[in-house]
PDB file of N, CA and C in Angstrom:
ATOM      1  N   MET A   1     -27.372  26.360  31.387  1.00  0.00           N
ATOM      2  CA  MET A   1     -27.947  25.105  30.920  1.00  0.00           C
ATOM      3  C   MET A   1     -26.929  23.983  31.125  1.00  0.00           C
ATOM      4  N   VAL A   2     -27.287  23.000  31.913  1.00  0.00           N
ATOM      5  CA  VAL A   2     -26.444  21.828  32.148  1.00  0.00           C
ATOM      6  C   VAL A   2     -27.065  20.656  31.405  1.00  0.00           C
ATOM      7  N   THR A   3     -26.227  19.854  30.774  1.00  0.00           N
ATOM      8  CA  THR A   3     -26.720  18.706  30.017  1.00  0.00           C
ATOM      9  C   THR A   3     -26.157  17.412  30.584  1.00  0.00           C
ATOM     10  N   VAL A   4     -26.701  16.296  30.134  1.00  0.00           N
ATOM     11  CA  VAL A   4     -26.234  14.974  30.550  1.00  0.00           C
ATOM     12  C   VAL A   4     -24.753  14.802  30.216  1.00  0.00           C
ATOM     13  N   ALA A   5     -24.292  15.392  29.134  1.00  0.00           N
ATOM     14  CA  ALA A   5     -22.896  15.270  28.714  1.00  0.00           C
ATOM     15  C   ALA A   5     -21.931  15.889  29.721  1.00  0.00           C
ATOM     16  N   GLU A   6     -22.420  16.765  30.595  1.00  0.00           N
ATOM     17  CA  GLU A   6     -21.567  17.446  31.569  1.00  0.00           C
ATOM     18  C   GLU A   6     -21.524  16.758  32.930  1.00  0.00           C
ATOM     19  N   LEU A   7     -22.282  15.677  33.094  1.00  0.00           N
ATOM     20  CA  LEU A   7     -22.265  14.950  34.361  1.00  0.00           C
ATOM     21  C   LEU A   7     -20.895  14.318  34.589  1.00  0.00           C
ATOM     22  N   GLU A   8     -20.527  14.191  35.862  1.00  0.00           N
ATOM     23  CA  GLU A   8     -19.313  13.480  36.233  1.00  0.00           C
ATOM     24  C   GLU A   8     -19.716  12.093  36.719  1.00  0.00           C
ATOM     25  N   HIS A   9     -18.750  11.179  36.768  1.00  0.00           N
ATOM     26  CA  HIS A   9     -19.024   9.787  37.153  1.00  0.00           C
ATOM     27  C   HIS A   9     -19.779   9.727  38.478  1.00  0.00           C
ATOM     28  N   GLY A  10     -20.924   9.045  38.481  1.00  0.00           N
ATOM     29  CA  GLY A  10     -21.743   8.883  39.678  1.00  0.00           C
ATOM     30  C   GLY A  10     -22.669  10.039  39.985  1.00  0.00           C
ATOM     31  N   GLN A  11     -22.549  11.129  39.255  1.00  0.00           N
ATOM     32  CA  GLN A  11     -23.394  12.304  39.498  1.00  0.00           C
ATOM     33  C   GLN A  11     -24.781  12.076  38.909  1.00  0.00           C
ATOM     34  N   LYS A  12     -25.793  12.659  39.558  1.00  0.00           N
ATOM     35  CA  LYS A  12     -27.179  12.481  39.128  1.00  0.00           C
ATOM     36  C   LYS A  12     -27.818  13.819  38.794  1.00  0.00           C
ATOM     37  N   GLY A  13     -28.854  13.749  37.976  1.00  0.00           N
ATOM     38  CA  GLY A  13     -29.625  14.928  37.634  1.00  0.00           C
ATOM     39  C   GLY A  13     -31.029  14.535  37.226  1.00  0.00           C
ATOM     40  N   VAL A  14     -31.933  15.502  37.273  1.00  0.00           N
ATOM     41  CA  VAL A  14     -33.314  15.289  36.853  1.00  0.00           C
ATOM     42  C   VAL A  14     -33.483  15.916  35.476  1.00  0.00           C
ATOM     43  N   ILE A  15     -34.034  15.152  34.563  1.00  0.00           N
ATOM     44  CA  ILE A  15     -34.227  15.637  33.192  1.00  0.00           C
ATOM     45  C   ILE A  15     -35.246  16.765  33.198  1.00  0.00           C
ATOM     46  N   LYS A  16     -34.860  17.921  32.615  1.00  0.00           N
ATOM     47  CA  LYS A  16     -35.760  19.073  32.520  1.00  0.00           C
ATOM     48  C   LYS A  16     -36.490  19.044  31.188  1.00  0.00           C
ATOM     49  N   GLU A  17     -35.734  19.133  30.125  1.00  0.00           N
ATOM     50  CA  GLU A  17     -36.321  19.180  28.785  1.00  0.00           C
ATOM     51  C   GLU A  17     -35.252  18.828  27.770  1.00  0.00           C
ATOM     52  N   PHE A  18     -35.655  18.773  26.529  1.00  0.00           N
ATOM     53  CA  PHE A  18     -34.732  18.470  25.444  1.00  0.00           C
ATOM     54  C   PHE A  18     -34.528  19.726  24.625  1.00  0.00           C
ATOM     55  N   SER A  19     -33.263  20.042  24.308  1.00  0.00           N
ATOM     56  CA  SER A  19     -33.006  21.247  23.525  1.00  0.00           C
ATOM     57  C   SER A  19     -33.420  21.050  22.070  1.00  0.00           C
ATOM     58  N   ASP A  20     -33.516  19.804  21.646  1.00  0.00           N
ATOM     59  CA  ASP A  20     -33.974  19.500  20.294  1.00  0.00           C
ATOM     60  C   ASP A  20     -35.101  18.488  20.452  1.00  0.00           C
ATOM     61  N   ASN A  21     -36.232  18.725  19.843  1.00  0.00           N
ATOM     62  CA  ASN A  21     -37.388  17.845  20.030  1.00  0.00           C
ATOM     63  C   ASN A  21     -37.284  16.527  19.283  1.00  0.00           C
ATOM     64  N   ILE A  22     -36.136  16.245  18.692  1.00  0.00           N
ATOM     65  CA  ILE A  22     -35.983  15.017  17.919  1.00  0.00           C
ATOM     66  C   ILE A  22     -35.068  14.063  18.676  1.00  0.00           C
ATOM     67  N   LEU A  23     -35.647  13.308  19.616  1.00  0.00           N
ATOM     68  CA  LEU A  23     -34.912  12.257  20.319  1.00  0.00           C
ATOM     69  C   LEU A  23     -35.410  10.917  19.802  1.00  0.00           C
ATOM     70  N   PRO A  24     -34.526   9.947  19.727  1.00  0.00           N
ATOM     71  CA  PRO A  24     -34.980   8.626  19.272  1.00  0.00           C
ATOM     72  C   PRO A  24     -36.102   8.089  20.164  1.00  0.00           C
ATOM     73  N   ILE A  25     -37.087   7.489  19.550  1.00  0.00           N
ATOM     74  CA  ILE A  25     -38.232   6.922  20.269  1.00  0.00           C
ATOM     75  C   ILE A  25     -37.757   5.912  21.312  1.00  0.00           C
ATOM     76  N   LYS A  26     -36.706   5.163  20.992  1.00  0.00           N
ATOM     77  CA  LYS A  26     -36.202   4.145  21.920  1.00  0.00           C
ATOM     78  C   LYS A  26     -35.795   4.768  23.253  1.00  0.00           C
ATOM     79  N   LEU A  27     -35.169   5.948  23.231  1.00  0.00           N
ATOM     80  CA  LEU A  27     -34.790   6.624  24.473  1.00  0.00           C
ATOM     81  C   LEU A  27     -36.017   7.002  25.288  1.00  0.00           C
ATOM     82  N   LEU A  28     -37.042   7.481  24.611  1.00  0.00           N
ATOM     83  CA  LEU A  28     -38.284   7.839  25.304  1.00  0.00           C
ATOM     84  C   LEU A  28     -38.933   6.601  25.919  1.00  0.00           C
ATOM     85  N   GLU A  29     -38.904   5.488  25.196  1.00  0.00           N
ATOM     86  CA  GLU A  29     -39.485   4.242  25.701  1.00  0.00           C
ATOM     87  C   GLU A  29     -38.729   3.721  26.920  1.00  0.00           C
ATOM     88  N   LEU A  30     -37.428   3.992  26.989  1.00  0.00           N
ATOM     89  CA  LEU A  30     -36.611   3.534  28.106  1.00  0.00           C
ATOM     90  C   LEU A  30     -36.697   4.470  29.310  1.00  0.00           C
ATOM     91  N   GLY A  31     -37.517   5.510  29.219  1.00  0.00           N
ATOM     92  CA  GLY A  31     -37.752   6.377  30.360  1.00  0.00           C
ATOM     93  C   GLY A  31     -36.982   7.675  30.372  1.00  0.00           C
ATOM     94  N   CYS A  32     -36.372   8.025  29.280  1.00  0.00           N
ATOM     95  CA  CYS A  32     -35.622   9.277  29.191  1.00  0.00           C
ATOM     96  C   CYS A  32     -36.617  10.414  28.940  1.00  0.00           C
ATOM     97  N   LEU A  33     -37.378  10.738  30.003  1.00  0.00           N
ATOM     98  CA  LEU A  33     -38.449  11.723  29.919  1.00  0.00           C
ATOM     99  C   LEU A  33     -38.258  12.802  30.981  1.00  0.00           C
ATOM    100  N   PRO A  34     -38.783  13.995  30.754  1.00  0.00           N
ATOM    101  CA  PRO A  34     -38.680  15.054  31.768  1.00  0.00           C
ATOM    102  C   PRO A  34     -39.212  14.582  33.124  1.00  0.00           C
ATOM    103  N   GLY A  35     -38.460  14.910  34.192  1.00  0.00           N
ATOM    104  CA  GLY A  35     -38.846  14.523  35.544  1.00  0.00           C
ATOM    105  C   GLY A  35     -38.154  13.271  36.041  1.00  0.00           C
ATOM    106  N   ASN A  36     -37.574  12.487  35.151  1.00  0.00           N
ATOM    107  CA  ASN A  36     -36.894  11.262  35.557  1.00  0.00           C
ATOM    108  C   ASN A  36     -35.441  11.541  35.924  1.00  0.00           C
ATOM    109  N   MET A  37     -34.918  10.723  36.837  1.00  0.00           N
ATOM    110  CA  MET A  37     -33.540  10.838  37.306  1.00  0.00           C
ATOM    111  C   MET A  37     -32.604  10.122  36.332  1.00  0.00           C
ATOM    112  N   VAL A  38     -31.460  10.743  36.063  1.00  0.00           N
ATOM    113  CA  VAL A  38     -30.438  10.151  35.204  1.00  0.00           C
ATOM    114  C   VAL A  38     -29.108  10.197  35.954  1.00  0.00           C
ATOM    115  N   GLU A  39     -28.314   9.128  35.843  1.00  0.00           N
ATOM    116  CA  GLU A  39     -27.017   9.048  36.522  1.00  0.00           C
ATOM    117  C   GLU A  39     -25.959   8.618  35.514  1.00  0.00           C
ATOM    118  N   LEU A  40     -24.807   9.263  35.555  1.00  0.00           N
ATOM    119  CA  LEU A  40     -23.699   8.872  34.689  1.00  0.00           C
ATOM    120  C   LEU A  40     -23.015   7.665  35.309  1.00  0.00           C
ATOM    121  N   VAL A  41     -22.992   6.553  34.576  1.00  0.00           N
ATOM    122  CA  VAL A  41     -22.419   5.313  35.068  1.00  0.00           C
ATOM    123  C   VAL A  41     -20.967   5.169  34.622  1.00  0.00           C
ATOM    124  N   GLN A  42     -20.713   5.431  33.334  1.00  0.00           N
ATOM    125  CA  GLN A  42     -19.376   5.198  32.797  1.00  0.00           C
ATOM    126  C   GLN A  42     -19.180   6.011  31.529  1.00  0.00           C
ATOM    127  N   VAL A  43     -17.927   6.330  31.252  1.00  0.00           N
ATOM    128  CA  VAL A  43     -17.574   7.020  30.010  1.00  0.00           C
ATOM    129  C   VAL A  43     -16.586   6.128  29.273  1.00  0.00           C
ATOM    130  N   ALA A  44     -16.807   5.924  27.988  1.00  0.00           N
ATOM    131  CA  ALA A  44     -15.915   5.097  27.173  1.00  0.00           C
ATOM    132  C   ALA A  44     -14.521   5.738  27.116  1.00  0.00           C
ATOM    133  N   PRO A  45     -13.487   4.941  26.833  1.00  0.00           N
ATOM    134  CA  PRO A  45     -12.113   5.455  26.826  1.00  0.00           C
ATOM    135  C   PRO A  45     -11.880   6.696  25.950  1.00  0.00           C
ATOM    136  N   LEU A  46     -12.535   6.793  24.837  1.00  0.00           N
ATOM    137  CA  LEU A  46     -12.367   7.957  23.959  1.00  0.00           C
ATOM    138  C   LEU A  46     -13.459   9.001  24.191  1.00  0.00           C
ATOM    139  N   LYS A  47     -14.128   8.911  25.358  1.00  0.00           N
ATOM    140  CA  LYS A  47     -15.163   9.853  25.802  1.00  0.00           C
ATOM    141  C   LYS A  47     -16.468   9.772  25.017  1.00  0.00           C
ATOM    142  N   ASP A  48     -16.621   8.779  24.189  1.00  0.00           N
ATOM    143  CA  ASP A  48     -17.867   8.614  23.433  1.00  0.00           C
ATOM    144  C   ASP A  48     -18.018   7.147  23.074  1.00  0.00           C
ATOM    145  N   PRO A  49     -19.103   6.466  23.419  1.00  0.00           N
ATOM    146  CA  PRO A  49     -20.329   6.956  24.045  1.00  0.00           C
ATOM    147  C   PRO A  49     -20.189   7.071  25.558  1.00  0.00           C
ATOM    148  N   ILE A  50     -21.284   7.545  26.171  1.00  0.00           N
ATOM    149  CA  ILE A  50     -21.369   7.560  27.630  1.00  0.00           C
ATOM    150  C   ILE A  50     -22.488   6.609  28.039  1.00  0.00           C
ATOM    151  N   TYR A  51     -22.357   6.063  29.230  1.00  0.00           N
ATOM    152  CA  TYR A  51     -23.336   5.106  29.736  1.00  0.00           C
ATOM    153  C   TYR A  51     -24.083   5.742  30.890  1.00  0.00           C
ATOM    154  N   ILE A  52     -25.405   5.767  30.771  1.00  0.00           N
ATOM    155  CA  ILE A  52     -26.240   6.389  31.789  1.00  0.00           C
ATOM    156  C   ILE A  52     -27.242   5.375  32.341  1.00  0.00           C
ATOM    157  N   ASN A  53     -27.744   5.668  33.523  1.00  0.00           N
ATOM    158  CA  ASN A  53     -28.776   4.858  34.150  1.00  0.00           C
ATOM    159  C   ASN A  53     -30.029   5.717  34.256  1.00  0.00           C
ATOM    160  N   VAL A  54     -31.090   5.273  33.615  1.00  0.00           N
ATOM    161  CA  VAL A  54     -32.388   5.954  33.677  1.00  0.00           C
ATOM    162  C   VAL A  54     -33.430   4.906  34.033  1.00  0.00           C
ATOM    163  N   ASN A  55     -34.074   5.085  35.179  1.00  0.00           N
ATOM    164  CA  ASN A  55     -35.115   4.142  35.628  1.00  0.00           C
ATOM    165  C   ASN A  55     -34.627   2.702  35.677  1.00  0.00           C
ATOM    166  N   GLY A  56     -33.385   2.485  36.068  1.00  0.00           N
ATOM    167  CA  GLY A  56     -32.849   1.130  36.173  1.00  0.00           C
ATOM    168  C   GLY A  56     -32.336   0.563  34.867  1.00  0.00           C
ATOM    169  N   SER A  57     -32.474   1.288  33.785  1.00  0.00           N
ATOM    170  CA  SER A  57     -31.964   0.842  32.486  1.00  0.00           C
ATOM    171  C   SER A  57     -30.626   1.512  32.211  1.00  0.00           C
ATOM    172  N   HIS A  58     -29.627   0.701  31.890  1.00  0.00           N
ATOM    173  CA  HIS A  58     -28.329   1.244  31.502  1.00  0.00           C
ATOM    174  C   HIS A  58     -28.355   1.449  29.995  1.00  0.00           C
ATOM    175  N   ILE A  59     -28.090   2.674  29.580  1.00  0.00           N
ATOM    176  CA  ILE A  59     -28.200   3.051  28.173  1.00  0.00           C
ATOM    177  C   ILE A  59     -26.883   3.683  27.724  1.00  0.00           C
ATOM    178  N   ALA A  60     -26.416   3.284  26.556  1.00  0.00           N
ATOM    179  CA  ALA A  60     -25.240   3.921  25.960  1.00  0.00           C
ATOM    180  C   ALA A  60     -25.743   4.916  24.918  1.00  0.00           C
ATOM    181  N   ILE A  61     -25.322   6.182  25.068  1.00  0.00           N
ATOM    182  CA  ILE A  61     -25.724   7.194  24.099  1.00  0.00           C
ATOM    183  C   ILE A  61     -24.502   7.999  23.667  1.00  0.00           C
ATOM    184  N   ARG A  62     -24.581   8.546  22.484  1.00  0.00           N
ATOM    185  CA  ARG A  62     -23.500   9.394  21.985  1.00  0.00           C
ATOM    186  C   ARG A  62     -23.481  10.698  22.756  1.00  0.00           C
ATOM    187  N   ARG A  63     -22.296  11.255  22.894  1.00  0.00           N
ATOM    188  CA  ARG A  63     -22.134  12.524  23.602  1.00  0.00           C
ATOM    189  C   ARG A  63     -22.942  13.627  22.917  1.00  0.00           C
ATOM    190  N   SER A  64     -23.023  13.605  21.590  1.00  0.00           N
ATOM    191  CA  SER A  64     -23.782  14.632  20.864  1.00  0.00           C
ATOM    192  C   SER A  64     -25.265  14.592  21.238  1.00  0.00           C
ATOM    193  N   LEU A  65     -25.797  13.401  21.471  1.00  0.00           N
ATOM    194  CA  LEU A  65     -27.194  13.261  21.895  1.00  0.00           C
ATOM    195  C   LEU A  65     -27.351  13.688  23.355  1.00  0.00           C
ATOM    196  N   ALA A  66     -26.366  13.356  24.184  1.00  0.00           N
ATOM    197  CA  ALA A  66     -26.410  13.727  25.600  1.00  0.00           C
ATOM    198  C   ALA A  66     -26.407  15.246  25.775  1.00  0.00           C
ATOM    199  N   LYS A  67     -25.811  15.966  24.846  1.00  0.00           N
ATOM    200  CA  LYS A  67     -25.768  17.428  24.915  1.00  0.00           C
ATOM    201  C   LYS A  67     -27.136  18.058  24.657  1.00  0.00           C
ATOM    202  N   GLN A  68     -28.079  17.274  24.157  1.00  0.00           N
ATOM    203  CA  GLN A  68     -29.418  17.784  23.866  1.00  0.00           C
ATOM    204  C   GLN A  68     -30.383  17.579  25.038  1.00  0.00           C
ATOM    205  N   ILE A  69     -29.959  16.852  26.077  1.00  0.00           N
ATOM    206  CA  ILE A  69     -30.835  16.542  27.206  1.00  0.00           C
ATOM    207  C   ILE A  69     -30.452  17.431  28.386  1.00  0.00           C
ATOM    208  N   GLU A  70     -31.283  18.424  28.673  1.00  0.00           N
ATOM    209  CA  GLU A  70     -31.028  19.366  29.767  1.00  0.00           C
ATOM    210  C   GLU A  70     -31.455  18.755  31.093  1.00  0.00           C
ATOM    211  N   ILE A  71     -30.649  19.013  32.140  1.00  0.00           N
ATOM    212  CA  ILE A  71     -30.934  18.455  33.461  1.00  0.00           C
ATOM    213  C   ILE A  71     -30.708  19.493  34.556  1.00  0.00           C
ATOM    214  N   ASP A  72     -31.258  19.195  35.730  1.00  0.00           N
ATOM    215  CA  ASP A  72     -30.948  19.916  36.965  1.00  0.00           C
ATOM    216  C   ASP A  72     -30.089  18.961  37.782  1.00  0.00           C
ATOM    217  N   ILE A  73     -28.867  19.382  38.115  1.00  0.00           N
ATOM    218  CA  ILE A  73     -27.952  18.548  38.897  1.00  0.00           C
ATOM    219  C   ILE A  73     -28.517  18.362  40.301  1.00  0.00           C
ATOM    220  N   GLN A  74     -28.438  17.122  40.792  1.00  0.00           N
ATOM    221  CA  GLN A  74     -28.868  16.811  42.151  1.00  0.00           C
ATOM    222  C   GLN A  74     -27.631  16.782  43.041  1.00  0.00           C
ATOM    223  N   GLU A  75     -27.613  17.637  44.049  1.00  0.00           N
ATOM    224  CA  GLU A  75     -26.483  17.685  44.976  1.00  0.00           C
ATOM    225  C   GLU A  75     -26.529  16.465  45.888  1.00  0.00           C
ATOM    226  N   ASP A  76     -25.366  15.930  46.197  1.00  0.00           N
ATOM    227  CA  ASP A  76     -25.253  14.787  47.087  1.00  0.00           C
ATOM    228  C   ASP A  76     -25.341  15.271  48.528  1.00  0.00           C
ATOM    229  N   PRO A  77     -26.381  14.880  49.291  1.00  0.00           N
ATOM    230  CA  PRO A  77     -26.531  15.373  50.653  1.00  0.00           C
ATOM    231  C   PRO A  77     -25.396  14.919  51.569  1.00  0.00           C
ATOM    232  N   LYS A  78     -24.701  13.841  51.238  1.00  0.00           N
ATOM    233  CA  LYS A  78     -23.587  13.330  52.044  1.00  0.00           C
ATOM    234  C   LYS A  78     -22.362  14.228  51.911  1.00  0.00           C
ATOM    235  N   ALA A  79     -22.270  14.968  50.806  1.00  0.00           N
ATOM    236  CA  ALA A  79     -21.096  15.816  50.555  1.00  0.00           C
ATOM    237  C   ALA A  79     -21.136  17.113  51.360  1.00  0.00           C
ATOM    238  N   ILE A  80     -22.280  17.419  51.925  1.00  0.00           N
ATOM    239  CA  ILE A  80     -22.420  18.697  52.662  1.00  0.00           C
ATOM    240  C   ILE A  80     -21.928  18.540  54.087  1.00  0.00           C
TER     241      ILE A  80
END
C-alpha cells in the first residue's frame, strides 16, 4: 500500500481509495477522489504539512491525513 505521504517531490499517483472513510468534505470538493491524479509539489521544512496538486488545485494537508489516501504511483515515461 502506497500513500500520498510516500510520494517524492514531483512524483505523481492516481488515487485508489481511502484507508479511513472520514476525509474532510473540503478535500472531496477540491477533487481528492478515487481516479484523480495527485502530485507532490512541496514539503514544508519540518515535513508537515505537504503540498499537493489535485485537478489544478494546490492543497496543503497534514502528513497524517496524506497517509490515509492510497495511490498507484505513475512511472515517468521519460525515466525509462
